[in-house]
C-alpha atoms as a PDB file:
ATOM      1  CA  MET A   1      21.134   3.984  36.229  1.00  0.00           C
ATOM      2  CA  LYS A   2      17.785   2.627  37.456  1.00  0.00           C
ATOM      3  CA  TYR A   3      14.820   1.924  35.180  1.00  0.00           C
ATOM      4  CA  GLY A   4      11.164   1.508  36.115  1.00  0.00           C
ATOM      5  CA  ALA A   5      10.665  -1.226  33.537  1.00  0.00           C
ATOM      6  CA  ARG A   6      11.099  -4.757  34.880  1.00  0.00           C
ATOM      7  CA  ASN A   7      11.370  -6.492  31.500  1.00  0.00           C
ATOM      8  CA  GLN A   8      15.058  -6.346  30.619  1.00  0.00           C
ATOM      9  CA  LEU A   9      17.098  -8.515  28.245  1.00  0.00           C
ATOM     10  CA  THR A  10      20.621  -8.314  26.916  1.00  0.00           C
ATOM     11  CA  GLY A  11      21.692  -8.981  23.360  1.00  0.00           C
ATOM     12  CA  THR A  12      24.003  -8.163  20.476  1.00  0.00           C
ATOM     13  CA  VAL A  13      23.256  -5.626  17.730  1.00  0.00           C
ATOM     14  CA  THR A  14      23.143  -7.522  14.433  1.00  0.00           C
ATOM     15  CA  GLU A  15      21.768  -4.968  11.980  1.00  0.00           C
ATOM     16  CA  ILE A  16      21.155  -1.224  11.712  1.00  0.00           C
ATOM     17  CA  THR A  17      18.931   0.050   8.905  1.00  0.00           C
ATOM     18  CA  LYS A  18      19.029   3.845   8.529  1.00  0.00           C
ATOM     19  CA  GLY A  19      16.399   6.000   6.894  1.00  0.00           C
ATOM     20  CA  THR A  20      16.359   9.771   6.581  1.00  0.00           C
ATOM     21  CA  LEU A  21      15.354  10.549  10.189  1.00  0.00           C
ATOM     22  CA  MET A  22      14.789   7.162  11.810  1.00  0.00           C
ATOM     23  CA  CYS A  23      16.573   3.825  12.023  1.00  0.00           C
ATOM     24  CA  ARG A  24      15.776   0.238  13.002  1.00  0.00           C
ATOM     25  CA  VAL A  25      18.205  -1.637  15.239  1.00  0.00           C
ATOM     26  CA  LYS A  26      17.940  -5.442  15.322  1.00  0.00           C
ATOM     27  CA  VAL A  27      19.273  -7.280  18.367  1.00  0.00           C
ATOM     28  CA  ASP A  28      19.827 -11.025  18.848  1.00  0.00           C
ATOM     29  CA  VAL A  29      18.745 -12.195  22.293  1.00  0.00           C
ATOM     30  CA  ALA A  30      18.713 -15.579  24.024  1.00  0.00           C
ATOM     31  CA  ALA A  31      17.437 -18.752  22.332  1.00  0.00           C
ATOM     32  CA  GLY A  32      17.876 -17.346  18.816  1.00  0.00           C
ATOM     33  CA  ALA A  33      15.172 -14.701  19.208  1.00  0.00           C
ATOM     34  CA  THR A  34      15.494 -11.246  17.605  1.00  0.00           C
ATOM     35  CA  MET A  35      14.048  -7.942  18.781  1.00  0.00           C
ATOM     36  CA  SER A  36      14.019  -4.577  17.020  1.00  0.00           C
ATOM     37  CA  SER A  37      13.906  -0.991  18.177  1.00  0.00           C
ATOM     38  CA  VAL A  38      13.099   2.080  16.088  1.00  0.00           C
ATOM     39  CA  MET A  39      14.786   5.327  17.088  1.00  0.00           C
ATOM     40  CA  THR A  40      15.943   8.586  15.594  1.00  0.00           C
ATOM     41  CA  ILE A  41      19.334   8.761  13.882  1.00  0.00           C
ATOM     42  CA  GLU A  42      20.263  11.374  16.510  1.00  0.00           C
ATOM     43  CA  SER A  43      19.545   8.899  19.329  1.00  0.00           C
ATOM     44  CA  LEU A  44      21.576   6.206  17.576  1.00  0.00           C
ATOM     45  CA  ASP A  45      24.508   8.632  17.297  1.00  0.00           C
ATOM     46  CA  ASP A  46      24.135   9.846  20.909  1.00  0.00           C
ATOM     47  CA  LEU A  47      24.208   6.246  22.180  1.00  0.00           C
ATOM     48  CA  ALA A  48      27.066   5.378  19.785  1.00  0.00           C
ATOM     49  CA  ILE A  49      25.392   2.038  19.024  1.00  0.00           C
ATOM     50  CA  LYS A  50      26.993   0.028  16.236  1.00  0.00           C
ATOM     51  CA  LYS A  51      26.809  -3.499  14.860  1.00  0.00           C
ATOM     52  CA  GLY A  52      28.344  -6.010  17.275  1.00  0.00           C
ATOM     53  CA  ASP A  53      27.670  -3.925  20.409  1.00  0.00           C
ATOM     54  CA  LYS A  54      26.201  -5.566  23.501  1.00  0.00           C
ATOM     55  CA  VAL A  55      23.082  -3.679  24.621  1.00  0.00           C
ATOM     56  CA  ARG A  56      20.391  -3.993  27.250  1.00  0.00           C
ATOM     57  CA  ILE A  57      16.818  -4.092  25.940  1.00  0.00           C
ATOM     58  CA  ILE A  58      14.292  -2.469  28.232  1.00  0.00           C
ATOM     59  CA  VAL A  59      10.650  -3.166  27.435  1.00  0.00           C
ATOM     60  CA  LYS A  60       7.879  -1.055  28.941  1.00  0.00           C
ATOM     61  CA  ALA A  61       4.397  -1.236  27.431  1.00  0.00           C
ATOM     62  CA  VAL A  62       4.872  -0.728  23.683  1.00  0.00           C
ATOM     63  CA  ASN A  63       8.304   0.916  23.967  1.00  0.00           C
ATOM     64  CA  VAL A  64      11.563  -0.969  23.400  1.00  0.00           C
ATOM     65  CA  LEU A  65      14.583   0.998  24.602  1.00  0.00           C
ATOM     66  CA  LEU A  66      18.242   0.095  24.034  1.00  0.00           C
ATOM     67  CA  VAL A  67      20.918   0.986  26.560  1.00  0.00           C
ATOM     68  CA  LYS A  68      24.642   0.681  25.876  1.00  0.00           C
ATOM     69  CA  GLU A  69      26.682   0.437  29.072  1.00  0.00           C
END
């Protein structure tokens, strides 16, 4: 799949904090840095993201998208 965003990193999911409708997914990236993404619980389930998964982080403007391949 191709993405228009040029800023892409890979990392490992370290924490998932679920609320009622939304969740925050924390990802460890290179050099000890951490990034977070907020998404709906439905999106988390659709992507089947869980702690320990390797994901690609796609950054475009103010959006941070996670992609599990």
